[in-house]
Protein backbone atom coordinates (compact mmCIF):
# COMPACT_ATOMS: atom_id res chain seq x y z
CA MET A 1 -28.59 -49.45 -76.22
CA THR A 2 -31.60 -47.22 -76.17
CA ALA A 3 -31.90 -43.72 -77.60
CA THR A 4 -31.97 -42.20 -74.13
CA THR A 5 -28.67 -43.84 -73.25
CA VAL A 6 -27.07 -42.57 -76.47
CA GLU A 7 -28.25 -39.01 -75.70
CA LYS A 8 -26.75 -39.16 -72.21
CA GLN A 9 -23.39 -40.33 -73.55
CA GLN A 10 -23.34 -37.59 -76.18
CA ALA A 11 -24.23 -34.87 -73.65
CA GLY A 12 -21.27 -35.84 -71.45
CA PRO A 13 -21.07 -35.59 -67.60
CA ARG A 14 -23.27 -33.05 -65.80
CA PRO A 15 -21.55 -30.16 -63.94
CA ALA A 16 -21.40 -30.45 -60.15
CA ALA A 17 -24.08 -28.60 -58.27
CA GLY A 18 -21.73 -27.56 -55.39
CA PRO A 19 -19.98 -24.23 -56.33
CA ALA A 20 -23.04 -21.99 -56.54
CA PRO A 21 -24.48 -22.93 -53.12
CA ALA A 22 -21.00 -22.68 -51.61
CA ARG A 23 -20.59 -19.14 -52.94
CA ARG A 24 -24.01 -18.22 -51.64
CA GLY A 25 -23.03 -19.64 -48.23
CA ARG A 26 -19.83 -17.62 -48.14
CA ARG A 27 -21.67 -14.42 -49.08
CA ARG A 28 -24.25 -15.12 -46.38
CA GLY A 29 -21.46 -15.68 -43.83
CA ARG A 30 -19.74 -12.45 -44.79
CA LEU A 31 -23.02 -10.56 -44.53
CA ILE A 32 -23.67 -11.97 -41.06
CA ALA A 33 -20.10 -11.14 -39.99
CA LEU A 34 -20.54 -7.59 -41.34
CA LEU A 35 -23.76 -7.18 -39.39
CA PHE A 36 -21.98 -8.19 -36.19
CA VAL A 37 -18.99 -5.94 -36.91
CA PHE A 38 -21.09 -2.97 -38.04
CA PRO A 39 -21.80 -1.57 -34.52
CA ALA A 40 -18.08 -1.66 -33.74
CA LEU A 41 -17.25 -0.02 -37.07
CA LEU A 42 -19.88 2.63 -36.39
CA LEU A 43 -18.40 3.42 -32.99
CA LEU A 44 -14.87 3.37 -34.41
CA GLY A 45 -15.86 5.84 -37.09
CA ALA A 46 -17.73 8.11 -34.68
CA LEU A 47 -15.14 8.07 -31.89
CA VAL A 48 -11.86 7.73 -33.81
CA VAL A 49 -12.03 8.33 -37.54
CA TYR A 50 -14.30 11.39 -37.48
CA PRO A 51 -12.41 13.18 -34.65
CA VAL A 52 -9.09 12.55 -36.42
CA LEU A 53 -10.35 13.91 -39.74
CA PHE A 54 -12.03 16.85 -38.03
CA SER A 55 -8.84 17.69 -36.10
CA VAL A 56 -6.75 17.54 -39.26
CA GLY A 57 -9.14 19.92 -41.00
CA ARG A 58 -9.48 22.20 -37.97
CA SER A 59 -5.70 22.56 -37.73
CA PHE A 60 -5.71 24.60 -40.96
CA PHE A 61 -8.01 27.30 -39.54
CA ASP A 62 -7.47 30.11 -37.05
CA ALA A 63 -8.65 30.24 -33.42
CA SER A 64 -12.18 31.24 -34.41
CA GLY A 65 -12.42 28.45 -36.99
CA THR A 66 -13.63 30.80 -39.75
CA ARG A 67 -10.44 31.83 -41.51
CA PHE A 68 -8.22 29.38 -43.41
CA VAL A 69 -4.57 29.86 -42.39
CA GLY A 70 -2.92 26.88 -44.06
CA GLY A 71 0.17 25.70 -42.23
CA ASP A 72 0.47 28.74 -39.95
CA ASN A 73 -0.60 26.74 -36.90
CA TYR A 74 2.12 24.17 -37.55
CA ALA A 75 4.72 26.90 -37.95
CA GLU A 76 3.52 28.64 -34.76
CA MET A 77 3.69 25.35 -32.93
CA PHE A 78 7.45 25.18 -33.38
CA ARG A 79 7.93 28.86 -32.54
CA ASP A 80 6.04 28.76 -29.26
CA PRO A 81 8.46 28.31 -26.27
CA ALA A 82 5.82 26.44 -24.26
CA THR A 83 5.28 23.95 -27.09
CA LEU A 84 9.01 23.44 -27.52
CA LYS A 85 9.27 22.76 -23.80
CA ALA A 86 6.39 20.27 -24.10
CA ILE A 87 8.22 18.50 -26.93
CA ARG A 88 11.39 18.39 -24.82
CA ASN A 89 9.54 16.97 -21.82
CA THR A 90 7.76 14.41 -24.00
CA THR A 91 11.14 13.32 -25.34
CA ILE A 92 12.39 12.87 -21.77
CA TRP A 93 9.31 10.78 -20.98
CA VAL A 94 9.75 8.61 -24.08
CA VAL A 95 13.46 8.01 -23.45
CA VAL A 96 13.41 7.52 -19.68
CA ALA A 97 10.08 6.04 -18.55
CA PRO A 98 9.74 3.02 -20.93
CA ALA A 99 13.41 2.07 -20.49
CA LEU A 100 13.17 2.20 -16.69
CA LEU A 101 9.88 0.33 -16.64
CA THR A 102 11.12 -2.40 -18.97
CA GLY A 103 14.31 -2.81 -16.93
CA LEU A 104 12.46 -2.88 -13.61
CA GLY A 105 9.86 -5.27 -14.98
CA LEU A 106 12.57 -7.63 -16.24
CA ILE A 107 14.50 -7.59 -12.97
CA LEU A 108 11.38 -8.09 -10.85
CA ALA A 109 10.06 -10.85 -13.13
CA VAL A 110 13.34 -12.77 -12.79
CA LEU A 111 13.51 -12.24 -9.02
CA VAL A 112 9.87 -13.15 -8.44
CA GLU A 113 10.56 -16.64 -9.80
CA LYS A 114 12.85 -17.19 -6.83
CA VAL A 115 10.39 -15.88 -4.23
CA ARG A 116 8.31 -18.35 -2.30
CA TRP A 117 5.17 -16.19 -2.27
CA ALA A 118 5.48 -15.18 -5.93
CA THR A 119 1.73 -14.82 -6.54
CA ALA A 120 1.22 -12.54 -3.56
CA PHE A 121 4.23 -10.47 -4.56
CA LYS A 122 2.92 -10.07 -8.12
CA LEU A 123 -0.49 -9.09 -6.82
CA LEU A 124 1.05 -6.47 -4.54
CA LEU A 125 3.04 -4.91 -7.38
CA PHE A 126 0.13 -5.06 -9.80
CA MET A 127 -2.35 -3.41 -7.41
CA PRO A 128 -1.44 0.20 -8.42
CA MET A 129 -2.83 -0.60 -11.89
CA ALA A 130 -6.27 -0.69 -10.25
CA VAL A 131 -5.82 2.91 -9.07
CA SER A 132 -7.01 5.57 -11.49
CA PHE A 133 -4.53 8.18 -12.70
CA LEU A 134 -6.62 10.82 -10.96
CA ALA A 135 -6.36 9.07 -7.58
CA ALA A 136 -2.66 8.29 -8.12
CA GLY A 137 -2.01 11.94 -8.97
CA ILE A 138 -3.68 13.11 -5.77
CA ILE A 139 -1.74 10.53 -3.73
CA PHE A 140 1.61 11.63 -5.12
CA ARG A 141 0.71 15.32 -4.96
CA LEU A 142 0.39 14.82 -1.20
CA ALA A 143 3.46 12.59 -0.97
CA TYR A 144 5.59 15.22 -2.76
CA ASP A 145 4.33 18.10 -0.59
CA GLU A 146 7.24 20.30 0.50
CA ASP A 147 5.92 20.63 4.06
CA PRO A 148 7.47 17.74 6.07
CA ASP A 149 4.31 17.63 8.19
CA LYS A 150 2.29 16.72 5.07
CA GLY A 151 4.64 15.18 2.50
CA VAL A 152 5.83 11.71 3.49
CA LEU A 153 8.92 11.88 1.26
CA ASN A 154 10.13 15.15 2.75
CA ALA A 155 9.35 13.86 6.23
CA ALA A 156 11.72 10.95 5.58
CA VAL A 157 14.38 13.19 4.02
CA VAL A 158 14.24 15.67 6.91
CA SER A 159 14.46 12.85 9.47
CA VAL A 160 17.58 11.43 7.83
CA HIS A 161 19.14 14.89 7.45
CA ASP A 162 18.52 15.85 11.07
CA ALA A 163 19.83 12.50 12.29
CA PHE A 164 23.24 13.12 10.67
CA LYS A 165 23.57 16.91 10.66
CA GLY A 166 21.25 17.97 13.45
CA THR A 167 19.14 21.09 13.45
CA SER A 168 19.22 24.48 15.14
CA THR A 169 17.26 24.81 18.38
CA TYR A 170 16.35 28.48 18.01
CA PRO A 171 15.61 29.27 14.34
CA THR A 172 13.41 32.26 15.25
CA ALA A 173 15.69 33.78 17.91
CA ARG A 174 17.32 37.19 17.43
CA GLY A 175 19.47 39.39 19.60
CA ARG A 176 18.06 42.24 21.64
CA THR A 177 18.41 45.38 19.50
CA GLY A 178 20.96 47.85 20.86
CA LEU A 179 22.60 45.30 23.15
CA LEU A 180 24.02 42.83 20.61
CA THR A 181 25.53 43.45 17.18
CA GLN A 182 24.44 41.29 14.26
CA ASP A 183 26.95 40.24 11.62
CA ARG A 184 26.13 39.84 7.93
CA ASP A 185 26.05 36.05 8.23
CA GLY A 186 23.37 36.25 10.95
CA ALA A 187 25.63 35.74 13.98
CA TYR A 188 25.38 37.98 17.08
CA ARG A 189 28.35 39.31 19.06
CA THR A 190 29.52 41.52 21.89
CA THR A 191 32.91 42.35 23.39
CA ALA A 192 34.23 41.33 26.82
CA SER A 193 37.46 40.52 28.64
CA PRO A 194 38.25 37.67 31.05
CA GLY A 195 36.75 38.46 34.43
CA ASP A 196 33.89 40.50 32.97
CA PRO A 197 30.35 39.06 33.17
CA VAL A 198 28.77 38.63 29.73
CA THR A 199 25.03 38.96 29.23
CA LEU A 200 23.58 37.91 25.86
CA PRO A 201 19.83 38.73 25.79
CA MET A 202 17.75 37.09 23.04
CA VAL A 203 14.16 37.56 21.93
CA GLY A 204 11.85 35.95 19.36
CA VAL A 205 11.49 32.58 21.07
CA LEU A 206 8.03 31.57 22.26
CA PRO A 207 7.96 30.09 25.76
CA LYS A 208 6.28 26.95 24.38
CA ASP A 209 9.22 26.46 22.00
CA LEU A 210 11.83 26.38 24.76
CA PRO A 211 13.61 23.06 25.30
CA ARG A 212 12.22 20.87 28.04
CA ASP A 213 15.45 21.07 30.03
CA ALA A 214 15.45 24.90 30.08
CA ARG A 215 15.90 26.38 33.56
CA PRO A 216 15.61 29.94 34.93
CA ALA A 217 18.54 32.04 33.77
CA ALA A 218 21.41 32.58 36.21
CA PRO A 219 22.60 36.24 36.29
CA ALA A 220 26.16 36.41 35.02
CA ALA A 221 26.94 39.35 37.32
CA ALA A 222 26.50 37.16 40.37
CA ARG A 223 29.29 34.84 39.30
CA THR A 224 32.97 35.25 40.18
CA SER A 225 35.64 34.58 37.61
CA ALA A 226 39.10 33.11 38.06
CA PRO A 227 42.04 34.54 36.10
CA GLY A 228 41.67 33.79 32.38
CA GLU A 229 38.04 32.82 32.88
CA LEU A 230 35.12 34.37 31.04
CA ARG A 231 31.59 33.64 32.24
CA GLY A 232 28.26 34.64 30.82
CA VAL A 233 24.64 33.73 30.20
CA VAL A 234 22.43 33.48 27.11
CA TYR A 235 18.81 33.94 28.07
CA LEU A 236 15.36 34.83 26.76
CA ASP A 237 14.91 38.50 27.62
CA PHE A 238 11.16 38.19 28.08
CA THR A 239 9.12 38.05 31.28
CA PRO A 240 5.78 36.21 30.93
CA GLY A 241 2.93 38.54 31.80
CA GLY A 242 5.01 41.67 31.18
CA GLY A 243 7.38 43.63 33.34
CA GLY A 244 11.09 43.10 33.74
CA GLU A 245 14.01 45.18 32.54
CA GLN A 246 15.55 44.87 29.09
CA GLY A 247 19.13 43.66 29.10
CA LYS A 248 18.90 42.40 32.67
CA VAL A 249 18.25 38.85 33.82
CA ASP A 250 14.93 38.86 35.70
CA PRO A 251 13.87 36.03 38.02
CA GLU A 252 11.19 34.63 35.72
CA GLU A 253 13.28 34.70 32.54
CA SER A 254 14.57 31.43 31.11
CA GLY A 255 18.04 30.47 30.01
CA LEU A 256 18.60 29.12 26.51
CA PRO A 257 20.34 25.75 26.78
CA GLY A 258 22.27 24.18 23.92
CA MET A 259 23.33 27.52 22.41
CA LYS A 260 26.83 27.47 20.91
CA VAL A 261 29.10 30.32 22.08
CA GLU A 262 32.56 31.25 20.77
CA ALA A 263 35.36 33.47 22.06
CA VAL A 264 37.04 35.05 19.03
CA ARG A 265 40.24 37.10 18.79
CA ASP A 266 41.96 38.34 15.63
CA GLY A 267 39.44 36.45 13.50
CA LYS A 268 40.29 33.09 15.08
CA THR A 269 38.16 31.09 17.51
CA ALA A 270 40.10 30.86 20.77
CA ALA A 271 37.48 28.82 22.65
CA SER A 272 34.05 27.34 22.07
CA THR A 273 31.40 25.92 24.38
CA THR A 274 27.66 25.21 24.71
CA THR A 275 25.30 26.78 27.21
CA ALA A 276 23.96 24.78 30.15
CA ALA A 277 20.32 24.31 31.12
CA ASP A 278 20.23 27.76 32.76
CA GLY A 279 21.90 29.40 29.72
CA SER A 280 25.25 29.83 31.45
CA PHE A 281 28.60 29.26 29.77
CA ARG A 282 32.27 29.51 30.76
CA PHE A 283 35.60 29.87 28.98
CA THR A 284 38.85 29.10 30.78
CA GLY A 285 42.53 29.60 29.98
CA LEU A 286 42.03 32.80 28.02
CA ASP A 287 44.76 35.40 27.67
CA LYS A 288 44.28 38.91 28.90
CA GLY A 289 42.62 41.42 26.65
CA PRO A 290 39.27 41.82 24.92
CA TYR A 291 37.52 39.01 23.09
CA THR A 292 34.54 38.95 20.79
CA VAL A 293 31.92 36.72 22.38
CA ARG A 294 29.97 35.38 19.45
CA LEU A 295 26.79 33.38 18.91
CA PRO A 296 27.39 31.65 15.53
CA GLU A 297 24.77 31.72 12.81
CA SER A 298 24.30 27.94 13.13
CA ASN A 299 22.26 28.63 16.29
CA PHE A 300 19.64 30.43 14.21
CA ALA A 301 19.65 28.46 10.97
CA PRO A 302 16.12 27.72 9.72
CA PRO A 303 15.16 24.05 9.94
CA TYR A 304 15.86 21.89 6.93
CA GLN A 305 12.67 21.66 4.88
CA GLY A 306 13.64 18.83 2.57
CA VAL A 307 13.63 18.67 -1.22
CA SER A 308 11.45 20.72 -3.51
CA TRP A 309 10.12 17.71 -5.40
CA LEU A 310 7.59 19.75 -7.35
CA GLY A 311 9.92 22.64 -8.14
CA PRO A 312 10.92 23.51 -11.72
CA THR A 313 13.99 21.25 -11.60
CA LEU A 314 12.55 18.00 -10.25
CA VAL A 315 8.88 18.15 -11.23
CA THR A 316 9.26 15.99 -14.37
CA PRO A 317 11.37 13.25 -12.66
CA ALA A 318 8.91 13.30 -9.75
CA ILE A 319 5.94 12.70 -12.06
CA ILE A 320 7.84 9.96 -13.88
CA GLY A 321 8.38 8.33 -10.47
CA ALA A 322 4.61 8.29 -9.92
CA TYR A 323 4.17 6.76 -13.38
CA LEU A 324 6.69 4.03 -12.54
CA TRP A 325 4.76 3.18 -9.38
CA ILE A 326 1.63 2.57 -11.44
CA TRP A 327 3.04 0.67 -14.42
CA THR A 328 5.89 -1.42 -12.98
CA GLY A 329 3.48 -4.24 -12.14
CA PHE A 330 2.14 -4.23 -15.70
CA ALA A 331 5.63 -4.62 -17.16
CA MET A 332 6.56 -7.30 -14.62
CA VAL A 333 3.48 -9.42 -15.34
CA LEU A 334 3.92 -9.31 -19.14
CA ILE A 335 7.63 -10.09 -18.97
CA GLY A 336 6.94 -12.78 -16.37
CA ALA A 337 4.49 -14.41 -18.77
CA GLY A 338 7.18 -14.47 -21.44
CA LEU A 339 9.70 -15.77 -18.94
CA SER A 340 7.46 -18.72 -18.08
CA THR A 341 7.56 -19.88 -21.73
CA LEU A 342 11.36 -20.02 -21.96
CA PRO A 343 12.80 -23.51 -22.57
CA ARG A 344 14.05 -24.69 -19.19
CA ASP A 345 16.38 -27.23 -20.75
CA ALA A 346 18.52 -24.41 -22.19
CA LEU A 347 18.83 -22.80 -18.77
CA GLU A 348 19.66 -26.10 -17.08
CA ALA A 349 22.21 -26.96 -19.78
CA ALA A 350 23.93 -23.62 -19.21
CA ARG A 351 24.07 -24.28 -15.45
CA MET A 352 25.56 -27.74 -16.04
CA ASP A 353 28.19 -26.16 -18.27
CA GLY A 354 29.25 -23.94 -15.35
CA ALA A 355 27.55 -20.66 -16.22
CA ASN A 356 26.62 -18.49 -13.25
CA GLU A 357 23.24 -16.79 -12.86
CA TRP A 358 24.45 -13.46 -14.25
CA GLN A 359 25.81 -15.12 -17.39
CA ILE A 360 22.57 -17.05 -17.84
CA PHE A 361 20.55 -13.87 -17.41
CA ARG A 362 22.67 -11.82 -19.80
CA ARG A 363 23.36 -14.36 -22.54
CA ILE A 364 20.29 -16.61 -22.48
CA THR A 365 17.34 -15.06 -20.66
CA VAL A 366 17.54 -11.56 -22.15
CA PRO A 367 18.11 -12.68 -25.79
CA LEU A 368 15.22 -15.16 -25.60
CA LEU A 369 12.98 -12.50 -24.06
CA ALA A 370 13.93 -9.87 -26.65
CA PRO A 371 10.58 -10.07 -28.55
CA VAL A 372 8.58 -9.69 -25.34
CA LEU A 373 10.80 -6.85 -24.10
CA THR A 374 10.38 -5.06 -27.41
CA VAL A 375 6.60 -5.31 -27.31
CA VAL A 376 6.50 -4.07 -23.70
CA PHE A 377 8.85 -1.19 -24.49
CA VAL A 378 6.93 -0.04 -27.58
CA THR A 379 3.58 -0.34 -25.75
CA LEU A 380 4.91 1.86 -22.98
CA VAL A 381 6.27 4.36 -25.51
CA ILE A 382 2.78 4.72 -26.96
CA ASN A 383 1.37 5.10 -23.46
CA VAL A 384 3.79 7.79 -22.26
CA MET A 385 3.19 9.87 -25.38
CA LYS A 386 -0.43 10.20 -24.27
CA VAL A 387 0.23 10.84 -20.57
CA PHE A 388 -1.97 13.67 -19.32
CA ASP A 389 -3.64 13.01 -15.97
CA LEU A 390 -0.53 12.69 -13.82
CA VAL A 391 1.13 15.79 -15.27
CA TYR A 392 -1.98 17.92 -14.94
CA ILE A 393 -2.77 16.82 -11.37
CA ILE A 394 0.67 16.54 -9.76
CA ALA A 395 2.37 19.63 -11.19
CA PRO A 396 1.37 22.79 -9.25
CA GLY A 397 0.13 25.80 -11.19
CA PRO A 398 3.39 27.82 -11.04
CA VAL A 399 5.42 24.94 -12.54
CA GLN A 400 2.75 23.56 -14.85
CA GLU A 401 4.62 24.93 -17.86
CA ASP A 402 7.89 23.33 -16.69
CA ALA A 403 6.22 19.90 -16.53
CA THR A 404 3.93 20.16 -19.56
CA VAL A 405 3.95 17.47 -22.25
CA LEU A 406 2.27 17.44 -25.64
CA ALA A 407 -1.04 16.08 -24.32
CA THR A 408 -1.34 18.70 -21.56
CA GLN A 409 -0.15 21.46 -23.87
CA MET A 410 -2.79 20.47 -26.40
CA TRP A 411 -5.49 20.71 -23.72
CA LEU A 412 -4.17 24.00 -22.30
CA VAL A 413 -4.00 25.62 -25.73
CA SER A 414 -7.46 24.42 -26.73
CA PHE A 415 -9.51 24.57 -23.54
CA GLY A 416 -7.34 25.56 -20.58
CA GLY A 417 -7.24 29.28 -21.24
CA GLY A 418 -5.67 29.49 -24.70
CA ASN A 419 -8.97 29.06 -26.56
CA ASP A 420 -7.07 28.41 -29.79
CA GLN A 421 -8.43 25.13 -31.10
CA GLY A 422 -6.64 25.59 -34.38
CA LEU A 423 -3.24 25.41 -32.69
CA GLY A 424 -4.55 22.73 -30.33
CA SER A 425 -5.65 20.61 -33.30
CA ALA A 426 -2.19 20.99 -34.84
CA LEU A 427 -0.69 19.70 -31.60
CA GLY A 428 -3.12 16.78 -31.69
CA VAL A 429 -2.07 15.94 -35.25
CA LEU A 430 1.60 16.10 -34.22
CA LEU A 431 0.91 13.73 -31.33
CA LEU A 432 -0.93 11.36 -33.69
CA LEU A 433 1.98 11.38 -36.15
CA LEU A 434 4.38 10.53 -33.34
CA VAL A 435 2.24 7.65 -32.07
CA ILE A 436 1.46 6.03 -35.45
CA PRO A 437 5.00 4.62 -36.11
CA ALA A 438 5.07 2.93 -32.72
CA MET A 439 1.58 1.52 -33.27
CA VAL A 440 2.50 0.17 -36.71
CA PHE A 441 5.65 -1.40 -35.31
CA ASN A 442 3.68 -3.09 -32.53
CA VAL A 443 1.03 -4.43 -34.93
CA ARG A 444 3.72 -5.92 -37.16
CA ARG A 445 5.37 -7.55 -34.19
CA PHE A 446 2.06 -9.15 -33.20
CA ARG A 447 1.47 -10.45 -36.74
CA ASN A 448 4.97 -11.89 -36.96
CA SER A 449 4.57 -13.62 -33.61
CA GLN A 450 1.28 -15.19 -34.76
CA ARG A 451 2.98 -16.60 -37.85
């Protein structure tokens, strides 16, 4: 054994050369990863972190931003009626919209599986997601228009209403002053006895608005009456081109067909009829004595104009309806993706055991989809808390305050005329505090699902 061999044995084994290069490799990898992430971190800080910190600091100053007011803006926020209404409306949004969307998405996802053209159906329902909130707001602002000639919803409502209840033919008509007496309810009347001719002159109807079957009025005085018979005429007391005599049926004056006429005595309707094409009417079998010949107010009722969708009462549900139109496809697609991963053997086993489709849906499908439904619901909660475009565009100016939510109220207070960015920043902080718990919950759900 040589001296060199003895020295090597005494020195023992040499340490491995691996750890130091490995550490250097890991540091180099982290540095490269940081360089790639740095632009994203820079944007995140500039667009998210800095605005949040600035808003928190700005919320402790007054409208001018020069005087420190502490928590006064937060106290004022809960004293302001408009802000309280915004909080109430936001609560309605959070409670109603995500629940409806999740339920609709679940039902549609289950039904789509049984449709032959499932892909086309999904595409059709998902298409509104490609429409911007601005465009969707304009679309629904027109659809909700109260004028049936513009708003498609009111056009449908008016059509259904008129089909079942009908509509008055002469909403603008009124009796000739001095010849007919008007009641408080809008009806017109005169007094006559059987055998007397009755003339009921009306004005206020444009010739172009007359029914197509209208004929020249027949003078009631030219008619003979049998015992117990009362004859008369309802006509438009207007001669085209001028001329004619008020209260008298002239040759060129038109009768008013379809007008309801009643013979009333002692507050009870003894007979009722409708005028013919020439405006004439006739009652038979009447007792002797005077009667009140009456044109009921239903003849002059204004046409049904539909529902005030954008009025103070319905404006928030109407906007939520527009939101549902946009996001139902989103919920359906996500829930459908979860539905496609369900174990089919469990569903088939339940069918073999005699369970019907409702029992399978309620006791197997819904419990297995619970994680997906929760994620969809919480995602939609976060989304509705930030809703702004639809509310601002659809709600008309007079009812803007009735429809306002926290996001729109924050903008109105800060830039939309309030010019109080201190209070607006406080509203922004409140909105952030409300969104953070839902965001944290969603992130935890994602992490748990990955594990």
